[in-house]
N, C-alpha and C. Protein backbone atom coordinates (compact mmCIF):
# COMPACT_ATOMS: atom_id res chain seq x y z
N MET A 1 0.85 -1.19 0.00
CA MET A 1 0.00 0.00 0.00
C MET A 1 0.89 1.25 0.00
N SER A 2 0.61 2.15 -0.90
CA SER A 2 1.42 3.37 -1.00
C SER A 2 1.04 4.35 0.10
N TRP A 3 1.92 5.35 0.28
CA TRP A 3 1.65 6.38 1.30
C TRP A 3 0.36 7.11 1.00
N LEU A 4 0.11 7.38 -0.29
CA LEU A 4 -1.10 8.10 -0.68
C LEU A 4 -2.35 7.29 -0.36
N GLU A 5 -2.30 6.01 -0.62
CA GLU A 5 -3.45 5.15 -0.34
C GLU A 5 -3.73 5.07 1.15
N ALA A 6 -2.64 5.12 1.96
CA ALA A 6 -2.78 4.99 3.41
C ALA A 6 -3.27 6.29 4.06
N HIS A 7 -3.04 7.42 3.39
CA HIS A 7 -3.34 8.71 4.02
C HIS A 7 -4.32 9.56 3.23
N TRP A 8 -5.02 8.96 2.25
CA TRP A 8 -5.89 9.77 1.39
C TRP A 8 -7.01 10.45 2.18
N LEU A 9 -7.49 9.78 3.24
CA LEU A 9 -8.56 10.38 4.02
C LEU A 9 -8.06 11.60 4.79
N ASP A 10 -6.84 11.50 5.33
CA ASP A 10 -6.25 12.65 6.01
C ASP A 10 -6.06 13.81 5.03
N ILE A 11 -5.62 13.49 3.83
CA ILE A 11 -5.41 14.52 2.81
C ILE A 11 -6.73 15.20 2.46
N LEU A 12 -7.78 14.39 2.37
CA LEU A 12 -9.11 14.94 2.07
C LEU A 12 -9.55 15.92 3.16
N GLY A 13 -9.37 15.51 4.43
CA GLY A 13 -9.79 16.37 5.53
C GLY A 13 -8.98 17.63 5.63
N TRP A 14 -7.65 17.50 5.54
CA TRP A 14 -6.79 18.68 5.62
C TRP A 14 -7.00 19.59 4.40
N GLY A 15 -7.20 18.99 3.24
CA GLY A 15 -7.43 19.79 2.03
C GLY A 15 -8.71 20.59 2.13
N GLY A 16 -9.78 19.96 2.62
CA GLY A 16 -11.04 20.66 2.79
C GLY A 16 -10.94 21.78 3.81
N SER A 17 -10.22 21.51 4.90
CA SER A 17 -10.05 22.54 5.94
C SER A 17 -9.23 23.71 5.42
N ALA A 18 -8.16 23.40 4.65
CA ALA A 18 -7.32 24.46 4.09
C ALA A 18 -8.12 25.32 3.11
N LEU A 19 -8.96 24.67 2.29
CA LEU A 19 -9.77 25.42 1.33
C LEU A 19 -10.80 26.28 2.05
N LEU A 20 -11.34 25.78 3.15
CA LEU A 20 -12.31 26.54 3.94
C LEU A 20 -11.66 27.82 4.48
N VAL A 21 -10.46 27.68 5.02
CA VAL A 21 -9.74 28.85 5.53
C VAL A 21 -9.41 29.81 4.39
N PHE A 22 -8.96 29.27 3.25
CA PHE A 22 -8.60 30.09 2.09
C PHE A 22 -9.81 30.87 1.59
N SER A 23 -10.99 30.25 1.62
CA SER A 23 -12.20 30.94 1.14
C SER A 23 -12.51 32.16 1.98
N LEU A 24 -12.18 32.10 3.28
CA LEU A 24 -12.47 33.23 4.16
C LEU A 24 -11.57 34.43 3.88
N LEU A 25 -10.49 34.21 3.13
CA LEU A 25 -9.56 35.29 2.80
C LEU A 25 -9.95 36.03 1.52
N GLN A 26 -11.01 35.57 0.86
CA GLN A 26 -11.39 36.15 -0.42
C GLN A 26 -12.16 37.45 -0.24
N ALA A 27 -11.77 38.47 -0.96
CA ALA A 27 -12.50 39.75 -0.92
C ALA A 27 -13.72 39.71 -1.84
N ARG A 28 -13.65 38.92 -2.90
CA ARG A 28 -14.75 38.85 -3.87
C ARG A 28 -15.88 38.00 -3.30
N VAL A 29 -17.06 38.57 -3.25
CA VAL A 29 -18.17 37.91 -2.59
C VAL A 29 -18.58 36.62 -3.29
N LEU A 30 -18.60 36.60 -4.63
CA LEU A 30 -19.01 35.39 -5.34
C LEU A 30 -17.94 34.32 -5.24
N ARG A 31 -16.68 34.69 -5.38
CA ARG A 31 -15.60 33.71 -5.26
C ARG A 31 -15.59 33.09 -3.88
N PHE A 32 -15.83 33.91 -2.84
CA PHE A 32 -15.88 33.38 -1.48
C PHE A 32 -16.95 32.30 -1.37
N ARG A 33 -18.14 32.56 -1.90
CA ARG A 33 -19.23 31.60 -1.79
C ARG A 33 -18.93 30.30 -2.53
N VAL A 34 -18.33 30.41 -3.72
CA VAL A 34 -18.03 29.21 -4.51
C VAL A 34 -16.98 28.35 -3.81
N LEU A 35 -15.89 28.97 -3.37
CA LEU A 35 -14.83 28.22 -2.70
C LEU A 35 -15.33 27.63 -1.37
N ASN A 36 -16.13 28.41 -0.66
CA ASN A 36 -16.67 27.91 0.61
C ASN A 36 -17.59 26.73 0.39
N LEU A 37 -18.36 26.76 -0.69
CA LEU A 37 -19.24 25.64 -1.03
C LEU A 37 -18.43 24.38 -1.31
N ILE A 38 -17.38 24.50 -2.11
CA ILE A 38 -16.54 23.35 -2.44
C ILE A 38 -15.92 22.77 -1.17
N ALA A 39 -15.43 23.64 -0.29
CA ALA A 39 -14.82 23.19 0.96
C ALA A 39 -15.85 22.45 1.82
N CYS A 40 -17.06 22.98 1.90
CA CYS A 40 -18.11 22.33 2.71
C CYS A 40 -18.46 20.95 2.16
N LEU A 41 -18.50 20.82 0.84
CA LEU A 41 -18.81 19.53 0.24
C LEU A 41 -17.70 18.52 0.51
N ILE A 42 -16.45 18.97 0.43
CA ILE A 42 -15.33 18.08 0.73
C ILE A 42 -15.39 17.61 2.19
N LEU A 43 -15.64 18.55 3.09
CA LEU A 43 -15.69 18.20 4.51
C LEU A 43 -16.94 17.38 4.84
N LEU A 44 -18.00 17.56 4.08
CA LEU A 44 -19.18 16.73 4.26
C LEU A 44 -18.85 15.27 3.97
N VAL A 45 -18.17 15.03 2.84
CA VAL A 45 -17.77 13.67 2.48
C VAL A 45 -16.78 13.11 3.51
N PHE A 46 -15.81 13.92 3.93
CA PHE A 46 -14.81 13.50 4.91
C PHE A 46 -15.47 13.04 6.20
N ASN A 47 -16.39 13.84 6.73
CA ASN A 47 -17.04 13.50 7.99
C ASN A 47 -18.02 12.34 7.84
N ALA A 48 -18.63 12.21 6.67
CA ALA A 48 -19.53 11.08 6.43
C ALA A 48 -18.75 9.77 6.44
N LEU A 49 -17.54 9.78 5.86
CA LEU A 49 -16.72 8.57 5.85
C LEU A 49 -16.29 8.19 7.27
N LEU A 50 -16.16 9.19 8.14
CA LEU A 50 -15.77 8.93 9.53
C LEU A 50 -17.00 8.76 10.44
N LEU A 51 -18.19 8.86 9.83
CA LEU A 51 -19.46 8.71 10.57
C LEU A 51 -19.63 9.76 11.66
N ILE A 52 -19.13 10.98 11.40
CA ILE A 52 -19.31 12.09 12.35
C ILE A 52 -20.51 12.88 11.86
N TRP A 53 -21.69 12.45 12.25
CA TRP A 53 -22.92 12.98 11.67
C TRP A 53 -23.22 14.43 12.04
N PRO A 54 -22.92 14.89 13.25
CA PRO A 54 -23.17 16.32 13.51
C PRO A 54 -22.41 17.24 12.55
N MET A 55 -21.15 16.86 12.22
CA MET A 55 -20.36 17.67 11.29
C MET A 55 -20.90 17.54 9.87
N VAL A 56 -21.43 16.34 9.55
CA VAL A 56 -22.06 16.16 8.24
C VAL A 56 -23.25 17.10 8.11
N GLY A 57 -24.09 17.13 9.18
CA GLY A 57 -25.26 18.01 9.15
C GLY A 57 -24.88 19.47 9.04
N MET A 58 -23.85 19.90 9.78
CA MET A 58 -23.43 21.29 9.73
C MET A 58 -22.94 21.67 8.33
N ASN A 59 -22.10 20.82 7.73
CA ASN A 59 -21.56 21.14 6.41
C ASN A 59 -22.63 21.08 5.33
N LEU A 60 -23.64 20.22 5.53
CA LEU A 60 -24.75 20.17 4.59
C LEU A 60 -25.54 21.48 4.62
N VAL A 61 -25.81 21.97 5.83
CA VAL A 61 -26.54 23.23 5.97
C VAL A 61 -25.73 24.39 5.38
N LEU A 62 -24.43 24.43 5.67
CA LEU A 62 -23.58 25.49 5.13
C LEU A 62 -23.52 25.44 3.61
N ALA A 63 -23.47 24.22 3.06
CA ALA A 63 -23.45 24.08 1.60
C ALA A 63 -24.74 24.62 0.99
N LEU A 64 -25.88 24.31 1.61
CA LEU A 64 -27.16 24.80 1.10
C LEU A 64 -27.24 26.33 1.18
N ILE A 65 -26.71 26.89 2.28
CA ILE A 65 -26.69 28.36 2.42
C ILE A 65 -25.85 28.97 1.31
N ASN A 66 -24.68 28.38 1.03
CA ASN A 66 -23.81 28.89 -0.03
C ASN A 66 -24.49 28.79 -1.40
N ILE A 67 -25.16 27.68 -1.64
CA ILE A 67 -25.86 27.51 -2.92
C ILE A 67 -26.93 28.58 -3.08
N TRP A 68 -27.66 28.87 -2.00
CA TRP A 68 -28.71 29.90 -2.06
C TRP A 68 -28.12 31.25 -2.42
N PHE A 69 -27.00 31.61 -1.78
CA PHE A 69 -26.37 32.90 -2.07
C PHE A 69 -25.80 32.93 -3.49
N ILE A 70 -25.20 31.83 -3.95
CA ILE A 70 -24.63 31.79 -5.30
C ILE A 70 -25.72 31.98 -6.35
N VAL A 71 -26.85 31.28 -6.16
CA VAL A 71 -27.97 31.43 -7.10
C VAL A 71 -28.47 32.87 -7.10
N LYS A 72 -28.60 33.46 -5.91
CA LYS A 72 -29.09 34.83 -5.81
C LYS A 72 -28.13 35.81 -6.47
N LEU A 73 -26.82 35.65 -6.22
CA LEU A 73 -25.83 36.56 -6.77
C LEU A 73 -25.76 36.46 -8.29
N THR A 74 -25.73 35.23 -8.80
CA THR A 74 -25.61 35.05 -10.25
C THR A 74 -26.88 35.50 -10.98
N SER A 75 -28.03 35.34 -10.33
CA SER A 75 -29.28 35.76 -10.97
C SER A 75 -29.39 37.28 -11.04
N GLN A 76 -28.66 37.98 -10.15
CA GLN A 76 -28.71 39.44 -10.14
C GLN A 76 -27.57 40.08 -10.92
N ARG A 77 -26.72 39.26 -11.49
CA ARG A 77 -25.53 39.78 -12.17
C ARG A 77 -25.88 40.82 -13.23
N HIS A 78 -26.95 40.55 -13.98
CA HIS A 78 -27.34 41.45 -15.07
C HIS A 78 -28.74 42.02 -14.85
N ASP A 79 -29.14 42.07 -13.59
CA ASP A 79 -30.49 42.53 -13.25
C ASP A 79 -30.46 44.02 -12.92
N GLU A 80 -31.12 44.82 -13.76
CA GLU A 80 -31.12 46.26 -13.54
C GLU A 80 -31.82 46.64 -12.24
N ALA A 81 -32.72 45.78 -11.75
CA ALA A 81 -33.41 46.08 -10.51
C ALA A 81 -32.48 45.95 -9.30
N ALA A 82 -31.38 45.22 -9.46
CA ALA A 82 -30.45 45.00 -8.34
C ALA A 82 -29.41 46.10 -8.24
N PHE A 83 -29.20 46.85 -9.32
CA PHE A 83 -28.18 47.89 -9.36
C PHE A 83 -28.81 49.21 -9.79
N GLU A 84 -28.27 50.28 -9.30
CA GLU A 84 -28.77 51.61 -9.65
C GLU A 84 -27.59 52.48 -10.06
N VAL A 85 -27.78 53.28 -11.10
CA VAL A 85 -26.75 54.19 -11.58
C VAL A 85 -27.16 55.61 -11.23
N ILE A 86 -26.26 56.35 -10.58
CA ILE A 86 -26.54 57.75 -10.29
C ILE A 86 -25.38 58.60 -10.82
N GLU A 87 -25.71 59.76 -11.31
CA GLU A 87 -24.67 60.68 -11.80
C GLU A 87 -24.30 61.65 -10.68
N VAL A 88 -23.01 61.89 -10.53
CA VAL A 88 -22.52 62.85 -9.54
C VAL A 88 -21.62 63.85 -10.24
N GLY A 89 -21.36 64.97 -9.58
CA GLY A 89 -20.49 65.98 -10.17
C GLY A 89 -19.04 65.53 -10.20
N PRO A 90 -18.27 66.03 -11.15
CA PRO A 90 -16.86 65.65 -11.26
C PRO A 90 -16.07 65.93 -9.99
N ALA A 91 -16.49 66.94 -9.23
CA ALA A 91 -15.77 67.31 -8.01
C ALA A 91 -16.50 66.83 -6.75
N ASP A 92 -17.46 65.92 -6.93
CA ASP A 92 -18.22 65.42 -5.80
C ASP A 92 -17.28 64.86 -4.73
N GLU A 93 -17.50 65.22 -3.48
CA GLU A 93 -16.57 64.82 -2.41
C GLU A 93 -16.58 63.31 -2.19
N TYR A 94 -17.74 62.68 -2.32
CA TYR A 94 -17.78 61.23 -2.13
C TYR A 94 -17.02 60.53 -3.26
N LEU A 95 -17.15 61.03 -4.48
CA LEU A 95 -16.39 60.49 -5.60
C LEU A 95 -14.90 60.62 -5.34
N ARG A 96 -14.46 61.77 -4.89
CA ARG A 96 -13.04 61.98 -4.59
C ARG A 96 -12.57 61.04 -3.49
N HIS A 97 -13.45 60.80 -2.52
CA HIS A 97 -13.13 59.85 -1.46
C HIS A 97 -12.92 58.45 -2.02
N LEU A 98 -13.83 58.00 -2.90
CA LEU A 98 -13.70 56.68 -3.50
C LEU A 98 -12.41 56.54 -4.29
N LEU A 99 -12.08 57.57 -5.06
CA LEU A 99 -10.86 57.52 -5.87
C LEU A 99 -9.61 57.50 -5.00
N ARG A 100 -9.68 58.17 -3.85
CA ARG A 100 -8.53 58.13 -2.92
C ARG A 100 -8.39 56.76 -2.27
N VAL A 101 -9.52 56.23 -1.79
CA VAL A 101 -9.49 54.94 -1.08
C VAL A 101 -9.03 53.82 -2.00
N HIS A 102 -9.49 53.84 -3.24
CA HIS A 102 -9.16 52.76 -4.18
C HIS A 102 -8.06 53.16 -5.16
N GLY A 103 -7.36 54.24 -4.86
CA GLY A 103 -6.37 54.77 -5.79
C GLY A 103 -5.32 53.75 -6.21
N ALA A 104 -4.74 53.05 -5.25
CA ALA A 104 -3.68 52.08 -5.57
C ALA A 104 -4.22 50.95 -6.43
N ASP A 105 -5.42 50.48 -6.10
CA ASP A 105 -6.03 49.39 -6.87
C ASP A 105 -6.38 49.84 -8.28
N ILE A 106 -6.86 51.07 -8.42
CA ILE A 106 -7.19 51.61 -9.75
C ILE A 106 -5.94 51.66 -10.63
N LEU A 107 -4.84 52.11 -10.05
CA LEU A 107 -3.61 52.24 -10.84
C LEU A 107 -3.03 50.89 -11.23
N ARG A 108 -3.39 49.84 -10.51
CA ARG A 108 -2.94 48.49 -10.91
C ARG A 108 -3.53 48.11 -12.26
N PHE A 109 -4.75 48.56 -12.51
CA PHE A 109 -5.44 48.21 -13.75
C PHE A 109 -5.27 49.28 -14.81
N GLN A 110 -5.15 50.54 -14.39
CA GLN A 110 -4.98 51.65 -15.33
C GLN A 110 -3.89 52.59 -14.81
N PRO A 111 -2.63 52.22 -15.06
CA PRO A 111 -1.51 53.01 -14.53
C PRO A 111 -1.51 54.46 -15.01
N ASP A 112 -2.14 54.74 -16.14
CA ASP A 112 -2.14 56.10 -16.69
C ASP A 112 -3.41 56.86 -16.33
N PHE A 113 -4.20 56.34 -15.39
CA PHE A 113 -5.45 57.00 -15.05
C PHE A 113 -5.20 58.36 -14.40
N LEU A 114 -5.96 59.36 -14.85
CA LEU A 114 -5.86 60.71 -14.30
C LEU A 114 -7.24 61.36 -14.39
N TRP A 115 -7.72 61.88 -13.26
CA TRP A 115 -9.04 62.51 -13.22
C TRP A 115 -8.89 63.94 -12.73
N ASP A 116 -9.37 64.86 -13.55
CA ASP A 116 -9.32 66.28 -13.20
C ASP A 116 -10.73 66.72 -12.77
N PRO A 117 -10.97 66.92 -11.48
CA PRO A 117 -12.31 67.28 -11.00
C PRO A 117 -12.76 68.66 -11.47
N THR A 118 -11.84 69.46 -12.01
CA THR A 118 -12.22 70.79 -12.49
C THR A 118 -12.58 70.79 -13.98
N ASP A 119 -12.44 69.63 -14.63
CA ASP A 119 -12.72 69.52 -16.06
C ASP A 119 -14.23 69.57 -16.28
N GLU A 120 -14.70 70.60 -16.95
CA GLU A 120 -16.14 70.76 -17.18
C GLU A 120 -16.69 69.73 -18.15
N ARG A 121 -15.79 69.05 -18.88
CA ARG A 121 -16.24 68.03 -19.82
C ARG A 121 -16.21 66.63 -19.20
N GLY A 122 -15.95 66.54 -17.91
CA GLY A 122 -15.93 65.25 -17.23
C GLY A 122 -17.31 64.86 -16.72
N LEU A 123 -17.65 63.59 -16.81
CA LEU A 123 -18.91 63.04 -16.30
C LEU A 123 -18.59 61.86 -15.40
N ALA A 124 -19.29 61.77 -14.28
CA ALA A 124 -19.03 60.70 -13.31
C ALA A 124 -20.33 59.99 -12.96
N PHE A 125 -20.25 58.66 -12.94
CA PHE A 125 -21.41 57.84 -12.58
C PHE A 125 -20.99 56.82 -11.52
N LEU A 126 -21.85 56.64 -10.52
CA LEU A 126 -21.63 55.62 -9.50
C LEU A 126 -22.66 54.52 -9.69
N VAL A 127 -22.22 53.28 -9.58
CA VAL A 127 -23.13 52.14 -9.65
C VAL A 127 -23.31 51.61 -8.24
N LEU A 128 -24.55 51.53 -7.78
CA LEU A 128 -24.85 51.14 -6.40
C LEU A 128 -25.63 49.85 -6.36
N ARG A 129 -25.39 49.10 -5.30
CA ARG A 129 -26.23 47.94 -4.96
C ARG A 129 -26.73 48.18 -3.55
N GLY A 130 -27.98 48.58 -3.44
CA GLY A 130 -28.46 49.03 -2.14
C GLY A 130 -27.76 50.33 -1.79
N ASP A 131 -27.13 50.34 -0.61
CA ASP A 131 -26.39 51.54 -0.21
C ASP A 131 -24.89 51.36 -0.37
N GLU A 132 -24.48 50.33 -1.12
CA GLU A 132 -23.05 50.04 -1.31
C GLU A 132 -22.61 50.42 -2.72
N THR A 133 -21.53 51.17 -2.82
CA THR A 133 -20.98 51.53 -4.13
C THR A 133 -20.16 50.37 -4.66
N VAL A 134 -20.53 49.88 -5.85
CA VAL A 134 -19.84 48.71 -6.41
C VAL A 134 -19.06 49.05 -7.67
N GLY A 135 -19.26 50.24 -8.23
CA GLY A 135 -18.55 50.60 -9.44
C GLY A 135 -18.51 52.09 -9.68
N VAL A 136 -17.50 52.52 -10.43
CA VAL A 136 -17.35 53.93 -10.81
C VAL A 136 -17.03 53.99 -12.29
N VAL A 137 -17.75 54.82 -13.02
CA VAL A 137 -17.47 55.04 -14.45
C VAL A 137 -17.25 56.53 -14.65
N LEU A 138 -16.09 56.87 -15.22
CA LEU A 138 -15.76 58.26 -15.49
C LEU A 138 -15.58 58.45 -16.99
N LEU A 139 -16.19 59.50 -17.52
CA LEU A 139 -16.16 59.77 -18.96
C LEU A 139 -15.63 61.18 -19.22
N HIS A 140 -15.09 61.35 -20.42
CA HIS A 140 -14.65 62.68 -20.86
C HIS A 140 -15.37 63.00 -22.16
N ARG A 141 -16.02 64.15 -22.21
CA ARG A 141 -16.75 64.56 -23.40
C ARG A 141 -15.79 65.07 -24.47
N ASP A 142 -15.88 64.47 -25.66
CA ASP A 142 -15.09 64.90 -26.81
C ASP A 142 -16.07 65.07 -27.97
N GLY A 143 -16.75 66.23 -27.99
CA GLY A 143 -17.82 66.43 -28.95
C GLY A 143 -18.98 65.53 -28.59
N ASP A 144 -19.40 64.69 -29.54
CA ASP A 144 -20.48 63.74 -29.24
C ASP A 144 -19.93 62.36 -28.89
N VAL A 145 -18.64 62.31 -28.58
CA VAL A 145 -17.99 61.05 -28.21
C VAL A 145 -17.71 61.05 -26.71
N ALA A 146 -18.09 59.97 -26.04
CA ALA A 146 -17.79 59.79 -24.62
C ALA A 146 -16.56 58.88 -24.51
N ARG A 147 -15.46 59.44 -24.06
CA ARG A 147 -14.24 58.65 -23.91
C ARG A 147 -14.16 58.15 -22.46
N VAL A 148 -14.04 56.84 -22.33
CA VAL A 148 -14.02 56.23 -21.00
C VAL A 148 -12.65 56.45 -20.36
N LEU A 149 -12.66 57.09 -19.22
CA LEU A 149 -11.42 57.28 -18.46
C LEU A 149 -11.25 56.20 -17.39
N LEU A 150 -12.38 55.73 -16.86
CA LEU A 150 -12.31 54.73 -15.80
C LEU A 150 -13.60 53.91 -15.80
N ASP A 151 -13.45 52.60 -15.69
CA ASP A 151 -14.57 51.69 -15.51
C ASP A 151 -14.12 50.72 -14.41
N TYR A 152 -14.34 51.13 -13.18
CA TYR A 152 -13.75 50.44 -12.03
C TYR A 152 -14.80 49.70 -11.21
N VAL A 153 -14.43 48.50 -10.77
CA VAL A 153 -15.29 47.68 -9.92
C VAL A 153 -14.58 47.47 -8.59
N THR A 154 -15.29 47.67 -7.49
CA THR A 154 -14.69 47.47 -6.18
C THR A 154 -14.39 45.98 -5.98
N PRO A 155 -13.39 45.65 -5.15
CA PRO A 155 -12.94 44.26 -5.02
C PRO A 155 -14.03 43.26 -4.70
N ARG A 156 -15.00 43.60 -3.86
CA ARG A 156 -16.05 42.65 -3.49
C ARG A 156 -16.87 42.19 -4.70
N TYR A 157 -16.98 43.06 -5.70
CA TYR A 157 -17.80 42.74 -6.87
C TYR A 157 -16.96 42.56 -8.12
N ARG A 158 -15.71 42.17 -7.95
CA ARG A 158 -14.81 42.01 -9.08
C ARG A 158 -15.26 40.88 -10.01
N ASP A 159 -16.11 39.97 -9.53
CA ASP A 159 -16.64 38.91 -10.40
C ASP A 159 -17.84 39.39 -11.20
N PHE A 160 -18.23 40.63 -11.01
CA PHE A 160 -19.36 41.22 -11.74
C PHE A 160 -18.82 42.30 -12.67
N SER A 161 -19.69 42.89 -13.46
CA SER A 161 -19.30 44.00 -14.34
C SER A 161 -20.37 45.08 -14.23
N PRO A 162 -20.46 45.74 -13.06
CA PRO A 162 -21.53 46.71 -12.84
C PRO A 162 -21.51 47.90 -13.79
N GLY A 163 -20.36 48.18 -14.41
CA GLY A 163 -20.30 49.27 -15.36
C GLY A 163 -21.23 49.08 -16.54
N GLU A 164 -21.63 47.83 -16.79
CA GLU A 164 -22.51 47.55 -17.93
C GLU A 164 -23.84 48.29 -17.81
N PHE A 165 -24.26 48.61 -16.57
CA PHE A 165 -25.56 49.26 -16.41
C PHE A 165 -25.52 50.71 -16.90
N VAL A 166 -24.32 51.30 -16.95
CA VAL A 166 -24.18 52.63 -17.55
C VAL A 166 -24.37 52.52 -19.05
N TRP A 167 -23.78 51.48 -19.66
CA TRP A 167 -23.86 51.34 -21.13
C TRP A 167 -25.23 50.86 -21.56
N ARG A 168 -25.88 50.01 -20.77
CA ARG A 168 -27.16 49.44 -21.18
C ARG A 168 -28.28 50.46 -21.09
N ARG A 169 -28.14 51.42 -20.21
CA ARG A 169 -29.18 52.47 -20.14
C ARG A 169 -28.81 53.57 -21.12
N SER A 170 -29.12 53.34 -22.38
CA SER A 170 -28.66 54.26 -23.43
C SER A 170 -29.15 55.68 -23.19
N GLY A 171 -30.31 55.83 -22.56
CA GLY A 171 -30.82 57.17 -22.30
C GLY A 171 -29.88 57.98 -21.44
N LEU A 172 -29.15 57.32 -20.57
CA LEU A 172 -28.21 57.99 -19.70
C LEU A 172 -27.14 58.71 -20.51
N LEU A 173 -26.76 58.11 -21.64
CA LEU A 173 -25.71 58.68 -22.49
C LEU A 173 -26.30 59.58 -23.58
N SER A 174 -27.41 59.14 -24.16
CA SER A 174 -28.01 59.94 -25.24
C SER A 174 -28.53 61.27 -24.72
N ASP A 175 -28.95 61.30 -23.46
CA ASP A 175 -29.42 62.56 -22.87
C ASP A 175 -28.31 63.60 -22.80
N HIS A 176 -27.08 63.13 -22.80
CA HIS A 176 -25.93 64.04 -22.79
C HIS A 176 -25.45 64.36 -24.21
N GLY A 177 -26.17 63.82 -25.20
CA GLY A 177 -25.83 64.12 -26.59
C GLY A 177 -24.74 63.24 -27.18
N PHE A 178 -24.44 62.13 -26.53
CA PHE A 178 -23.39 61.24 -27.04
C PHE A 178 -23.94 60.32 -28.13
N SER A 179 -23.11 60.09 -29.14
CA SER A 179 -23.47 59.12 -30.19
C SER A 179 -22.56 57.90 -30.14
N THR A 180 -21.39 58.05 -29.49
CA THR A 180 -20.41 56.96 -29.45
C THR A 180 -19.69 56.94 -28.12
N VAL A 181 -19.38 55.75 -27.65
CA VAL A 181 -18.55 55.56 -26.46
C VAL A 181 -17.29 54.83 -26.90
N ILE A 182 -16.13 55.33 -26.47
CA ILE A 182 -14.85 54.71 -26.84
C ILE A 182 -14.05 54.44 -25.56
N THR A 183 -13.56 53.22 -25.42
CA THR A 183 -12.73 52.87 -24.27
C THR A 183 -11.27 53.21 -24.57
N PRO A 184 -10.45 53.40 -23.54
CA PRO A 184 -9.05 53.71 -23.77
C PRO A 184 -8.30 52.52 -24.36
N PRO A 185 -7.23 52.77 -25.12
CA PRO A 185 -6.42 51.68 -25.64
C PRO A 185 -5.85 50.84 -24.49
N LYS A 186 -5.74 49.54 -24.72
CA LYS A 186 -5.12 48.59 -23.79
C LYS A 186 -5.89 48.45 -22.48
N MET A 187 -7.13 48.93 -22.44
CA MET A 187 -7.93 48.78 -21.24
C MET A 187 -8.36 47.33 -21.09
N LEU A 188 -8.32 46.82 -19.86
CA LEU A 188 -8.78 45.46 -19.62
C LEU A 188 -10.30 45.47 -19.75
N GLY A 189 -10.81 45.07 -20.91
CA GLY A 189 -12.24 45.21 -21.14
C GLY A 189 -12.84 44.05 -21.88
N ALA A 190 -12.54 42.82 -21.44
CA ALA A 190 -13.04 41.65 -22.16
C ALA A 190 -14.56 41.60 -22.20
N TYR A 191 -15.22 42.21 -21.22
CA TYR A 191 -16.68 42.10 -21.18
C TYR A 191 -17.38 43.04 -22.15
N TYR A 192 -16.67 44.00 -22.73
CA TYR A 192 -17.31 44.97 -23.61
C TYR A 192 -17.91 44.33 -24.85
N GLY A 193 -17.25 43.31 -25.36
CA GLY A 193 -17.75 42.64 -26.56
C GLY A 193 -19.10 41.99 -26.35
N GLN A 194 -19.46 41.71 -25.09
CA GLN A 194 -20.74 41.08 -24.79
C GLN A 194 -21.88 42.10 -24.65
N LEU A 195 -21.54 43.38 -24.72
CA LEU A 195 -22.55 44.42 -24.50
C LEU A 195 -22.81 45.26 -25.73
N GLY A 196 -22.39 44.77 -26.89
CA GLY A 196 -22.64 45.51 -28.12
C GLY A 196 -21.50 46.39 -28.57
N PHE A 197 -20.40 46.43 -27.80
CA PHE A 197 -19.22 47.17 -28.23
C PHE A 197 -18.54 46.41 -29.37
N SER A 198 -17.93 47.14 -30.27
CA SER A 198 -17.14 46.51 -31.35
C SER A 198 -15.68 46.90 -31.18
N ARG A 199 -14.81 46.01 -31.57
CA ARG A 199 -13.37 46.23 -31.41
C ARG A 199 -12.83 47.07 -32.55
N HIS A 200 -12.10 48.14 -32.20
CA HIS A 200 -11.43 48.98 -33.19
C HIS A 200 -10.01 49.20 -32.71
N GLY A 201 -9.09 48.42 -33.28
CA GLY A 201 -7.70 48.50 -32.83
C GLY A 201 -7.59 48.04 -31.38
N ASP A 202 -7.02 48.89 -30.53
CA ASP A 202 -6.85 48.55 -29.11
C ASP A 202 -8.03 49.01 -28.25
N SER A 203 -9.04 49.60 -28.88
CA SER A 203 -10.17 50.13 -28.13
C SER A 203 -11.47 49.41 -28.51
N TYR A 204 -12.50 49.65 -27.69
CA TYR A 204 -13.85 49.19 -27.98
C TYR A 204 -14.73 50.42 -28.21
N GLU A 205 -15.69 50.27 -29.14
CA GLU A 205 -16.59 51.38 -29.43
C GLU A 205 -18.03 50.91 -29.37
N LEU A 206 -18.90 51.80 -28.86
CA LEU A 206 -20.33 51.51 -28.76
C LEU A 206 -21.11 52.65 -29.38
N ALA A 207 -22.01 52.32 -30.29
CA ALA A 207 -22.91 53.32 -30.86
C ALA A 207 -24.08 53.50 -29.90
N VAL A 208 -24.32 54.74 -29.49
CA VAL A 208 -25.41 55.03 -28.54
C VAL A 208 -26.71 55.18 -29.32
N ASP A 209 -27.74 54.44 -28.89
CA ASP A 209 -29.03 54.51 -29.57
C ASP A 209 -29.75 55.83 -29.25
């Protein structure tokens, strides 16, 4: 009998426990739920093999709770009723606070990001879920073209793309007289192609209805 065959049950238990601890370190709400669910299922099997039924019951309940949250989160991913977009002034103090708090994280994704709160051609939108800010979209007016300066998602909702609610509500952009939205070159924007944007060189473009 090999060492692995002799200790596979221990490996299963320690692996499930390690994954459970690792899930608690996740900032992303959906990733936390998925990893926690997998860990609970592993520990459910581990305890069932050892006939420790109270632990089996606990992990079963936790798994069901995680499944409920995962279904709820994924069903709201593209639900306009779950998210709200509000426009704020370029020099809004809460906006400036958000940019300061998340400044280092923003620069990781857009090292050349620069926002001038005195720019009269700047437009700022916050995406909210309840009373929590989950995204920030900053635009610069260039005639009838809206140039995207920032499309940022807070770490907890990094598995979502809340900025899409700015683009999907075409009235929000057409009311400002925009006919086209253009993202910056080299922007991490894989999700834009799923929202009607077309690729033009290193940028994505959207025709505003």
